[in-house]
């Protein structure tokens, strides 16, 4: 397919999807009157409060929407809230290997039903259980080899004790979501014990986490990357202004998993590419301020150092089910990364907002000196944020969506608010390796760089987020990735993705 026909096809698809979603928005305004506000469970805390950045103990996942009129029943004189959400996500991805001769186009329709029980025993003590039933079939594959995943997950199950003995300390025990505002450090469901402390301008949390069992019914073992891994993690937030704060973060990871030695034959799904005792330490400045006659300026700066010891394994696949450990390499790790940017929320017509960002993860220019200086994120990160409205998207690219490792990422974005809860964003990302390498640590693009040029390519994203209904959220993301010189003969080829998400909360 030529580039012109590709762009034409992309444009038609984006216009069709955008027109459909805007029609839905108009229909919702006609039938529902006005947009309903997002409200969590009674007495639950939210991480966001308008423009304020103050953190609070989380009872509801950041960004999750639940209606205020959820079903409640009295149990032993206390309210039991029953609710959840159904998510439908059709997705089409074309040419992830950047080669139109490869049969790798795929369309799948992910479905997820969350069922939740929230029991408030008292003003201080509450319980929460969340379970997911999921089904993810490939409805079309260019290769003709359709697959599917299905199962049940216990995603959260915790006890929360607020302000123990009327102090500033709170306690959360069980499988819980641990997330920071930008999800640059962490955003995952972990089996953990977490202690909070909060007062007017200072908030702190400390957690120890270790996976106690498999999270899903179709897998009888803990994922190798998390098996026997103990994490000690925490942050301190000083809100020196109602809309600005400074934070310190730390994470220490102790990997006690069994060593996989060269020559060992293991099941393919038990491959553990890395065993590391690593530490992340860093900080964040983030906030928003107003300039008269100009508008508001939002800013962020994240910076982190990672250091410790790591042993990596490489494998040879014997067949689709069994692999052999080929080699093992112990190395010392010293690396750093940062992410900075600003968003100007203007007072101009249609109130556009402009975002400029730059992220850097150091590379390893001397791989034979025994020290790995290539930055990597925590492995429990997600890299999602909302610039306007109420829904998050991936700020390093919806299609490429890389881990910040041996990368320079330059981002420019233009967005428009549709309402207080809805927005449309057009983003551009440029990717360069800090040190040219034949490996990308984590990405949806499956092509292999040549290791001589560091210019990976560019991506354009169009993200339309609608939240105009009491129970429904809709998000559309269309993405094009264009390969750079780092992919050699594949330079100039494109990968394409359409992603549409419907989430109905009850």
Protein backbone atom coordinates (compact mmCIF):
# COMPACT_ATOMS: atom_id res chain seq x y z
CA UNK A 1 0.00 0.00 0.00
CA UNK A 2 1.43 3.42 -0.98
CA UNK A 3 1.91 6.20 1.55
CA UNK A 4 -0.74 8.37 -0.15
CA UNK A 5 -3.36 5.63 -0.12
CA UNK A 6 -2.39 4.88 3.48
CA UNK A 7 -2.93 8.49 4.54
CA UNK A 8 -6.22 8.60 2.61
CA UNK A 9 -7.40 5.43 4.29
CA UNK A 10 -6.34 6.75 7.70
CA UNK A 11 -8.07 10.08 7.13
CA UNK A 12 -11.34 8.46 6.06
CA UNK A 13 -11.32 6.13 9.04
CA UNK A 14 -10.53 8.92 11.51
CA UNK A 15 -13.24 11.16 10.06
CA UNK A 16 -15.79 8.34 10.17
CA UNK A 17 -14.94 7.43 13.76
CA UNK A 18 -14.78 11.05 14.84
CA UNK A 19 -18.12 11.85 13.19
CA UNK A 20 -19.76 8.85 14.83
CA UNK A 21 -18.48 9.79 18.26
CA UNK A 22 -19.47 13.44 17.88
CA UNK A 23 -22.93 12.31 16.83
CA UNK A 24 -23.12 10.21 19.98
CA UNK A 25 -22.13 13.27 21.99
CA UNK A 26 -24.92 15.36 20.44
CA UNK A 27 -27.40 12.55 21.04
CA UNK A 28 -26.32 12.33 24.67
CA UNK A 29 -26.82 16.07 25.16
CA UNK A 30 -30.30 15.75 23.67
CA UNK A 31 -31.41 12.76 25.72
CA UNK A 32 -29.61 13.36 29.00
CA UNK A 33 -29.72 17.13 29.21
CA UNK A 34 -26.31 17.88 30.61
CA UNK A 35 -23.17 15.93 31.45
CA UNK A 36 -23.22 14.15 34.78
CA UNK A 37 -20.32 14.76 37.12
CA UNK A 38 -17.96 11.94 38.03
CA UNK A 39 -18.59 10.81 41.59
CA UNK A 40 -16.88 7.94 43.38
CA UNK A 41 -18.24 5.80 46.18
CA UNK A 42 -19.53 7.58 49.28
CA UNK A 43 -16.67 8.87 51.43
CA UNK A 44 -14.10 7.59 48.97
CA UNK A 45 -11.01 9.64 48.17
CA UNK A 46 -9.96 10.90 44.77
CA UNK A 47 -6.43 11.57 43.61
CA UNK A 48 -7.49 14.58 41.56
CA UNK A 49 -9.57 17.53 42.74
CA UNK A 50 -9.97 19.97 39.88
CA UNK A 51 -6.63 21.65 39.27
CA UNK A 52 -5.32 20.67 42.71
CA UNK A 53 -2.56 18.08 42.77
CA UNK A 54 -2.87 17.02 46.41
CA UNK A 55 -2.71 13.26 46.86
CA UNK A 56 -5.03 11.28 49.09
CA UNK A 57 -5.35 7.60 49.98
CA UNK A 58 -6.89 5.86 46.98
CA UNK A 59 -10.02 3.81 47.26
CA UNK A 60 -11.02 4.09 43.62
CA UNK A 61 -8.56 3.66 40.75
CA UNK A 62 -7.41 7.00 39.31
CA UNK A 63 -9.59 7.84 36.33
CA UNK A 64 -12.28 5.25 37.05
CA UNK A 65 -15.79 6.58 36.77
CA UNK A 66 -18.62 5.24 38.90
CA UNK A 67 -22.13 6.74 39.12
CA UNK A 68 -23.32 8.26 42.39
CA UNK A 69 -26.53 6.20 42.42
CA UNK A 70 -24.94 2.75 42.58
CA UNK A 71 -26.92 -0.14 43.98
CA UNK A 72 -26.64 -0.38 47.76
CA UNK A 73 -27.94 -2.88 50.24
CA UNK A 74 -27.82 -2.90 54.03
CA UNK A 75 -25.65 -5.69 55.50
CA UNK A 76 -25.45 -5.92 59.30
CA UNK A 77 -26.46 -2.30 59.56
CA UNK A 78 -23.80 -1.01 57.13
CA UNK A 79 -23.96 -0.21 53.38
CA UNK A 80 -22.67 -2.68 50.80
CA UNK A 81 -22.22 -1.04 47.39
CA UNK A 82 -22.38 -3.30 44.34
CA UNK A 83 -21.14 -1.98 41.02
CA UNK A 84 -18.56 -2.29 38.30
CA UNK A 85 -17.99 -1.59 34.65
CA UNK A 86 -18.16 -3.24 31.25
CA UNK A 87 -15.47 -2.35 28.74
CA UNK A 88 -15.54 -3.04 25.00
CA UNK A 89 -12.40 -2.23 23.03
CA UNK A 90 -12.17 -3.03 19.31
CA UNK A 91 -8.63 -2.52 17.99
CA UNK A 92 -7.02 -2.88 14.58
CA UNK A 93 -3.23 -2.86 14.11
CA UNK A 94 -1.49 -2.97 10.74
CA UNK A 95 2.16 -3.74 9.94
CA UNK A 96 3.65 -3.83 13.45
CA UNK A 97 6.77 -5.32 11.84
CA UNK A 98 6.88 -2.30 9.47
CA UNK A 99 6.94 -4.66 6.50
CA UNK A 100 3.80 -4.84 4.32
CA UNK A 101 5.01 -8.24 3.03
CA UNK A 102 4.60 -9.77 6.50
CA UNK A 103 1.19 -11.13 7.46
CA UNK A 104 0.89 -9.39 10.83
CA UNK A 105 -2.30 -7.31 10.54
CA UNK A 106 -4.67 -8.17 13.36
CA UNK A 107 -8.02 -7.03 14.73
CA UNK A 108 -9.27 -8.00 18.16
CA UNK A 109 -12.26 -7.09 20.33
CA UNK A 110 -11.26 -6.98 23.97
CA UNK A 111 -14.09 -7.28 26.50
CA UNK A 112 -13.85 -6.91 30.25
CA UNK A 113 -16.53 -7.05 32.94
CA UNK A 114 -15.52 -5.68 36.34
CA UNK A 115 -17.61 -6.63 39.35
CA UNK A 116 -17.03 -4.69 42.58
CA UNK A 117 -18.11 -4.87 46.19
CA UNK A 118 -17.42 -1.95 48.51
CA UNK A 119 -18.39 -2.45 52.15
CA UNK A 120 -18.15 0.42 54.58
CA UNK A 121 -18.08 -1.02 58.09
CA UNK A 122 -17.58 2.42 59.66
CA UNK A 123 -16.24 5.86 58.78
CA UNK A 124 -12.74 4.48 59.28
CA UNK A 125 -12.93 0.86 58.12
CA UNK A 126 -13.88 -0.34 54.64
CA UNK A 127 -13.40 -3.35 52.35
CA UNK A 128 -13.18 -3.54 48.57
CA UNK A 129 -13.14 -6.48 46.14
CA UNK A 130 -12.84 -6.20 42.37
CA UNK A 131 -12.84 -9.13 39.95
CA UNK A 132 -12.52 -9.04 36.15
CA UNK A 133 -13.98 -11.47 33.64
CA UNK A 134 -12.20 -10.90 30.32
CA UNK A 135 -12.37 -12.23 26.76
CA UNK A 136 -9.95 -11.07 24.07
CA UNK A 137 -10.49 -12.81 20.71
CA UNK A 138 -8.65 -12.03 17.50
CA UNK A 139 -11.53 -11.58 15.08
CA UNK A 140 -9.22 -11.12 12.09
CA UNK A 141 -5.57 -12.01 11.45
CA UNK A 142 -3.83 -11.58 8.14
CA UNK A 143 -1.95 -14.83 8.79
CA UNK A 144 -5.19 -16.74 9.39
CA UNK A 145 -3.99 -17.98 12.81
CA UNK A 146 -6.66 -16.60 15.15
CA UNK A 147 -6.10 -16.78 18.91
CA UNK A 148 -7.93 -15.64 22.01
CA UNK A 149 -7.43 -15.11 25.73
CA UNK A 150 -10.13 -15.55 28.36
CA UNK A 151 -10.25 -15.86 32.10
CA UNK A 152 -11.02 -14.32 35.47
CA UNK A 153 -8.75 -11.98 37.43
CA UNK A 154 -8.86 -10.97 41.07
CA UNK A 155 -7.55 -7.46 40.52
CA UNK A 156 -8.18 -5.95 43.95
CA UNK A 157 -9.13 -7.18 47.42
CA UNK A 158 -8.20 -4.96 50.33
CA UNK A 159 -8.96 -3.64 53.81
CA UNK A 160 -8.60 0.08 54.47
CA UNK A 161 -8.33 1.68 57.91
CA UNK A 162 -8.50 5.46 57.81
CA UNK A 163 -6.84 7.69 60.42
CA UNK A 164 -5.93 4.99 62.91
CA UNK A 165 -6.80 6.10 66.47
CA UNK A 166 -7.60 9.58 65.09
CA UNK A 167 -4.00 10.03 63.96
CA UNK A 168 -2.72 11.11 60.58
CA UNK A 169 -1.88 7.52 59.67
CA UNK A 170 -3.96 5.17 57.52
CA UNK A 171 -3.39 1.53 56.54
CA UNK A 172 -4.31 -0.49 53.44
CA UNK A 173 -3.77 -4.27 53.28
CA UNK A 174 -4.30 -6.64 50.36
CA UNK A 175 -4.22 -6.59 46.58
CA UNK A 176 -4.50 -2.90 45.71
CA UNK A 177 -3.76 -0.45 42.95
CA UNK A 178 -0.68 1.67 43.58
CA UNK A 179 -0.42 4.62 41.19
CA UNK A 180 1.18 8.02 40.90
CA UNK A 181 -0.42 10.91 39.07
CA UNK A 182 1.59 10.55 35.85
CA UNK A 183 2.01 6.77 36.19
CA UNK A 184 5.68 7.36 35.35
CA UNK A 185 6.85 5.58 38.49
CA UNK A 186 4.12 3.02 39.06
CA UNK A 187 0.58 1.99 38.24
CA UNK A 188 -0.22 -1.62 39.00
CA UNK A 189 -2.26 -3.94 41.22
CA UNK A 190 0.09 -5.38 43.82
CA UNK A 191 -0.26 -7.57 46.90
CA UNK A 192 0.92 -5.04 49.45
CA UNK A 193 0.78 -3.47 52.88
CA UNK A 194 0.69 0.31 52.58
CA UNK A 195 0.83 3.01 55.25
CA UNK A 196 -0.27 6.58 54.55
CA UNK A 197 0.40 9.78 56.45
CA UNK A 198 -1.32 13.05 55.65
CA UNK A 199 -1.74 16.56 56.99
CA UNK A 200 -2.58 19.94 55.44
CA UNK A 201 0.40 20.28 53.08
CA UNK A 202 2.31 17.02 53.49
CA UNK A 203 1.43 13.52 52.35
CA UNK A 204 3.55 10.36 52.47
CA UNK A 205 3.07 6.67 51.75
CA UNK A 206 5.21 3.60 52.27
CA UNK A 207 4.44 0.14 50.88
CA UNK A 208 5.97 -3.30 50.82
CA UNK A 209 4.71 -5.54 48.01
CA UNK A 210 5.18 -9.16 46.95
CA UNK A 211 2.98 -11.20 44.64
CA UNK A 212 1.30 -13.99 46.62
CA UNK A 213 -0.31 -15.85 43.73
CA UNK A 214 -1.41 -15.76 40.13
CA UNK A 215 -3.79 -12.95 39.24
CA UNK A 216 -5.72 -14.86 36.57
CA UNK A 217 -7.56 -18.16 36.31
CA UNK A 218 -5.89 -19.35 33.09
CA UNK A 219 -2.40 -19.24 34.62
CA UNK A 220 -1.32 -21.40 37.58
CA UNK A 221 1.94 -19.54 38.29
CA UNK A 222 3.14 -16.03 39.06
CA UNK A 223 4.61 -14.17 36.08
CA UNK A 224 8.39 -14.75 36.04
CA UNK A 225 9.09 -10.98 36.10
CA UNK A 226 7.24 -10.74 39.45
CA UNK A 227 7.92 -14.16 40.96
CA UNK A 228 9.61 -13.84 44.38
CA UNK A 229 10.22 -10.13 43.79
CA UNK A 230 9.87 -7.94 46.89
CA UNK A 231 9.34 -4.22 46.39
CA UNK A 232 9.77 -1.52 49.00
CA UNK A 233 8.39 1.73 47.66
CA UNK A 234 7.11 5.10 48.74
CA UNK A 235 6.82 8.81 48.11
CA UNK A 236 6.58 12.08 50.00
CA UNK A 237 4.53 14.97 48.59
CA UNK A 238 4.83 18.56 49.78
CA UNK A 239 2.02 20.71 48.47
CA UNK A 240 3.62 24.10 48.91
CA UNK A 241 0.81 25.78 46.95
CA UNK A 242 -2.81 24.63 46.47
CA UNK A 243 -2.03 23.77 42.82
CA UNK A 244 1.69 22.94 42.95
CA UNK A 245 3.79 20.31 44.69
CA UNK A 246 7.18 18.71 45.07
CA UNK A 247 7.58 14.95 45.47
CA UNK A 248 10.28 12.45 46.31
CA UNK A 249 10.00 8.82 45.15
CA UNK A 250 11.94 5.67 45.86
CA UNK A 251 11.63 2.03 44.88
CA UNK A 252 13.88 -0.87 45.91
CA UNK A 253 13.38 -4.20 44.17
CA UNK A 254 14.80 -7.46 45.56
CA UNK A 255 14.57 -10.38 43.12
CA UNK A 256 14.77 -13.75 44.87
CA UNK A 257 13.64 -15.89 41.93
CA UNK A 258 15.45 -19.11 41.01
CA UNK A 259 18.48 -18.67 38.78
CA UNK A 260 18.07 -19.93 35.24
CA UNK A 261 21.53 -21.15 34.29
CA UNK A 262 22.98 -21.68 30.78
CA UNK A 263 21.85 -25.03 29.42
CA UNK A 264 18.67 -25.19 31.52
CA UNK A 265 15.56 -26.18 29.56
CA UNK A 266 12.41 -24.40 30.72
CA UNK A 267 8.86 -23.79 29.60
CA UNK A 268 8.67 -20.87 27.19
CA UNK A 269 6.15 -19.03 29.35
CA UNK A 270 8.52 -19.26 32.33
CA UNK A 271 11.37 -17.34 30.70
CA UNK A 272 12.76 -14.67 33.01
CA UNK A 273 14.94 -12.30 31.01
CA UNK A 274 16.23 -10.37 34.03
CA UNK A 275 16.92 -10.89 37.74
CA UNK A 276 17.84 -7.65 39.43
CA UNK A 277 18.27 -6.06 42.82
CA UNK A 278 17.65 -2.50 41.68
CA UNK A 279 16.87 0.86 43.27
CA UNK A 280 15.13 3.89 41.80
CA UNK A 281 15.43 7.29 43.48
CA UNK A 282 14.12 10.59 42.18
CA UNK A 283 11.75 13.49 42.41
CA UNK A 284 8.98 15.42 40.73
CA UNK A 285 7.92 19.03 40.48
CA UNK A 286 4.42 19.45 39.11
CA UNK A 287 1.65 22.00 39.13
CA UNK A 288 -0.34 24.69 37.43
CA UNK A 289 -0.44 28.47 37.77
CA UNK A 290 -2.35 31.31 36.15
CA UNK A 291 -0.96 34.26 34.18
CA UNK A 292 -3.35 37.17 33.73
CA UNK A 293 -4.55 37.67 30.14
CA UNK A 294 -2.53 34.60 29.05
CA UNK A 295 -4.19 31.61 30.66
CA UNK A 296 -2.84 28.77 32.79
CA UNK A 297 0.53 27.09 32.59
CA UNK A 298 0.86 23.46 33.63
CA UNK A 299 4.30 21.97 34.09
CA UNK A 300 6.01 18.78 35.20
CA UNK A 301 9.55 17.57 35.77
CA UNK A 302 10.36 13.97 36.67
CA UNK A 303 13.88 12.74 37.21
CA UNK A 304 15.18 9.40 38.47
CA UNK A 305 18.37 7.43 38.99
CA UNK A 306 18.48 3.64 38.91
CA UNK A 307 21.36 1.63 40.36
CA UNK A 308 22.07 -1.89 41.58
CA UNK A 309 22.96 -5.33 40.28
CA UNK A 310 21.26 -7.22 37.47
CA UNK A 311 21.73 -10.56 35.71
CA UNK A 312 20.22 -10.95 32.23
CA UNK A 313 19.46 -14.20 30.42
CA UNK A 314 19.18 -14.92 26.71
CA UNK A 315 17.29 -17.91 25.33
CA UNK A 316 17.12 -20.23 22.35
CA UNK A 317 13.63 -21.46 21.50
CA UNK A 318 13.55 -25.23 21.01
CA UNK A 319 9.89 -25.16 19.97
CA UNK A 320 6.82 -23.07 20.79
CA UNK A 321 6.62 -24.55 24.29
CA UNK A 322 10.22 -25.05 25.42
CA UNK A 323 13.34 -22.85 25.50
CA UNK A 324 16.96 -23.29 26.56
CA UNK A 325 18.98 -20.69 28.48
CA UNK A 326 21.78 -19.68 26.09
CA UNK A 327 23.79 -17.21 28.16
CA UNK A 328 23.80 -15.31 31.43
CA UNK A 329 25.37 -11.89 32.00
CA UNK A 330 25.76 -10.19 35.41
CA UNK A 331 26.24 -6.42 35.34
CA UNK A 332 26.23 -3.39 37.59
CA UNK A 333 23.54 -0.82 36.75
CA UNK A 334 23.95 2.97 36.93
CA UNK A 335 21.59 5.05 34.78
CA UNK A 336 19.20 7.97 34.84
CA UNK A 337 16.10 9.30 33.13
CA UNK A 338 13.97 12.41 33.06
CA UNK A 339 10.71 13.73 31.66
CA UNK A 340 9.82 17.42 31.48
CA UNK A 341 7.19 19.52 29.79
CA UNK A 342 4.73 22.37 29.88
CA UNK A 343 1.12 22.82 28.78
CA UNK A 344 -0.31 26.26 28.00
CA UNK A 345 -4.08 26.39 28.57
CA UNK A 346 -4.93 29.49 26.57
CA UNK A 347 -7.78 32.00 26.75
CA UNK A 348 -8.04 32.07 22.97
CA UNK A 349 -11.13 31.18 20.94
CA UNK A 350 -12.08 27.52 21.57
CA UNK A 351 -9.58 27.54 24.48
CA UNK A 352 -6.86 25.45 22.78
CA UNK A 353 -4.00 24.09 24.87
CA UNK A 354 -0.49 23.48 23.62
CA UNK A 355 1.92 20.92 25.08
CA UNK A 356 5.67 20.57 24.59
CA UNK A 357 7.56 17.71 26.25
CA UNK A 358 10.93 16.02 26.27
CA UNK A 359 11.88 12.70 27.86
CA UNK A 360 15.31 11.10 28.09
CA UNK A 361 16.46 7.68 29.21
CA UNK A 362 20.22 7.20 29.18
CA UNK A 363 21.85 4.59 26.92
CA UNK A 364 24.85 2.30 27.30
CA UNK A 365 27.66 3.54 25.09
CA UNK A 366 30.18 0.97 26.39
CA UNK A 367 28.46 -2.42 26.82
CA UNK A 368 31.73 -4.22 27.63
CA UNK A 369 32.79 -2.28 30.74
CA UNK A 370 30.69 -4.32 33.19
CA UNK A 371 28.29 -1.43 33.92
CA UNK A 372 24.91 -1.04 32.24
CA UNK A 373 24.21 2.68 31.95
CA UNK A 374 20.92 2.24 30.04
CA UNK A 375 17.96 3.59 31.99
CA UNK A 376 14.86 1.46 32.45
CA UNK A 377 11.57 2.16 34.19
CA UNK A 378 10.22 0.23 37.15
CA UNK A 379 8.29 -2.40 35.18
CA UNK A 380 5.10 -1.45 37.04
CA UNK A 381 4.72 1.88 35.22
CA UNK A 382 2.05 2.81 32.66
CA UNK A 383 2.93 6.27 31.25
CA UNK A 384 -0.62 7.62 30.99
CA UNK A 385 -2.03 11.03 31.90
CA UNK A 386 -4.89 13.36 31.07
CA UNK A 387 -4.17 16.85 29.79
CA UNK A 388 -7.82 17.91 29.74
CA UNK A 389 -11.11 16.17 30.37
CA UNK A 390 -11.35 13.03 32.48
CA UNK A 391 -9.68 10.25 30.46
CA UNK A 392 -6.04 9.28 30.26
CA UNK A 393 -3.95 8.41 27.21
CA UNK A 394 -0.36 7.27 26.60
CA UNK A 395 1.87 10.30 26.46
CA UNK A 396 4.75 8.41 24.76
CA UNK A 397 2.52 7.30 21.88
CA UNK A 398 -0.56 5.11 21.60
CA UNK A 399 1.02 2.82 19.01
CA UNK A 400 4.76 2.79 19.68
CA UNK A 401 4.16 3.14 23.47
CA UNK A 402 7.79 2.52 24.46
CA UNK A 403 9.33 2.15 27.87
CA UNK A 404 11.63 5.10 28.53
CA UNK A 405 14.86 3.16 28.05
CA UNK A 406 17.79 4.33 25.88
CA UNK A 407 15.48 6.90 24.30
CA UNK A 408 15.01 10.57 23.51
CA UNK A 409 11.32 11.38 23.02
CA UNK A 410 10.21 14.81 21.81
CA UNK A 411 6.49 15.54 21.97
CA UNK A 412 4.28 18.36 20.73
CA UNK A 413 0.54 18.40 21.25
CA UNK A 414 -2.45 20.57 20.42
CA UNK A 415 -5.74 19.97 22.17
CA UNK A 416 -9.21 21.45 22.53
CA UNK A 417 -11.67 20.99 25.39
CA UNK A 418 -15.11 19.87 24.23
CA UNK A 419 -16.52 20.24 27.74
CA UNK A 420 -15.23 19.99 31.30
CA UNK A 421 -15.00 16.22 30.89
CA UNK A 422 -14.27 15.75 27.16
CA UNK A 423 -11.41 16.73 24.87
CA UNK A 424 -9.69 16.14 21.55
CA UNK A 425 -5.89 15.94 21.25
CA UNK A 426 -3.48 15.78 18.32
CA UNK A 427 0.04 14.71 19.32
CA UNK A 428 3.36 14.30 17.53
CA UNK A 429 6.25 12.21 18.90
CA UNK A 430 9.80 11.89 17.60
CA UNK A 431 11.93 8.96 18.83
CA UNK A 432 15.71 8.67 18.87
CA UNK A 433 17.84 6.15 20.71
CA UNK A 434 20.31 7.73 23.13
CA UNK A 435 22.86 5.15 21.94
CA UNK A 436 22.18 3.30 18.66
CA UNK A 437 21.21 -0.28 19.50
CA UNK A 438 19.63 -3.29 17.84
CA UNK A 439 17.24 -3.69 20.78
CA UNK A 440 14.18 -1.77 21.98
CA UNK A 441 13.41 -2.65 25.58
CA UNK A 442 9.62 -2.58 25.26
CA UNK A 443 7.43 -1.43 22.38
CA UNK A 444 4.45 -2.46 20.27
CA UNK A 445 6.53 -2.10 17.12
CA UNK A 446 8.05 -5.51 16.40
CA UNK A 447 10.75 -4.54 13.88
CA UNK A 448 14.44 -4.71 14.89
CA UNK A 449 16.67 -1.61 14.59
CA UNK A 450 19.98 -1.94 12.76
CA UNK A 451 22.09 -0.60 15.65
CA UNK A 452 23.92 1.95 13.49
CA UNK A 453 21.39 4.78 13.34
CA UNK A 454 19.48 5.93 16.40
CA UNK A 455 16.59 7.64 14.60
CA UNK A 456 13.65 5.31 15.20
CA UNK A 457 10.90 7.42 13.65
CA UNK A 458 7.84 9.54 14.27
CA UNK A 459 4.27 9.02 15.41
CA UNK A 460 1.05 11.02 15.07
CA UNK A 461 -1.84 10.36 17.45
CA UNK A 462 -5.40 11.66 17.38
CA UNK A 463 -7.21 11.04 20.66
CA UNK A 464 -10.89 11.90 21.15
CA UNK A 465 -12.16 11.43 24.70
CA UNK A 466 -15.88 11.81 25.43
CA UNK A 467 -17.41 11.74 28.90
CA UNK A 468 -20.82 13.34 28.42
CA UNK A 469 -22.98 10.57 29.86
CA UNK A 470 -23.84 9.46 33.34
CA UNK A 471 -22.62 5.88 32.86
CA UNK A 472 -20.65 5.87 29.60
CA UNK A 473 -17.14 6.94 28.59
CA UNK A 474 -15.91 6.71 25.00
CA UNK A 475 -12.39 7.14 23.69
CA UNK A 476 -11.06 6.91 20.14
CA UNK A 477 -7.34 6.84 19.28
CA UNK A 478 -5.95 6.74 15.75
CA UNK A 479 -2.17 6.40 15.34
CA UNK A 480 0.41 6.30 12.55
CA UNK A 481 4.07 5.37 13.17
CA UNK A 482 6.59 6.14 10.42
CA UNK A 483 9.88 4.25 10.52
CA UNK A 484 13.18 6.14 10.53
CA UNK A 485 16.73 5.22 9.39
CA UNK A 486 17.24 2.98 12.45
CA UNK A 487 15.10 0.34 10.71
CA UNK A 488 17.35 0.17 7.66
CA UNK A 489 15.55 -1.05 4.54
CA UNK A 490 12.22 -0.57 6.31
CA UNK A 491 12.76 3.21 6.59
CA UNK A 492 9.70 5.10 5.38
CA UNK A 493 7.32 2.22 6.06
CA UNK A 494 4.37 2.75 8.36
CA UNK A 495 2.38 1.03 11.05
CA UNK A 496 -1.22 1.97 11.70
CA UNK A 497 -3.61 1.51 14.63
CA UNK A 498 -7.24 2.28 15.39
CA UNK A 499 -8.47 1.84 18.95
CA UNK A 500 -12.02 2.51 20.16
CA UNK A 501 -13.00 2.06 23.81
CA UNK A 502 -16.48 2.04 25.33
CA UNK A 503 -16.70 1.84 29.11
CA UNK A 504 -20.10 1.53 30.79
CA UNK A 505 -20.08 1.95 34.57
CA UNK A 506 -22.83 0.84 36.91
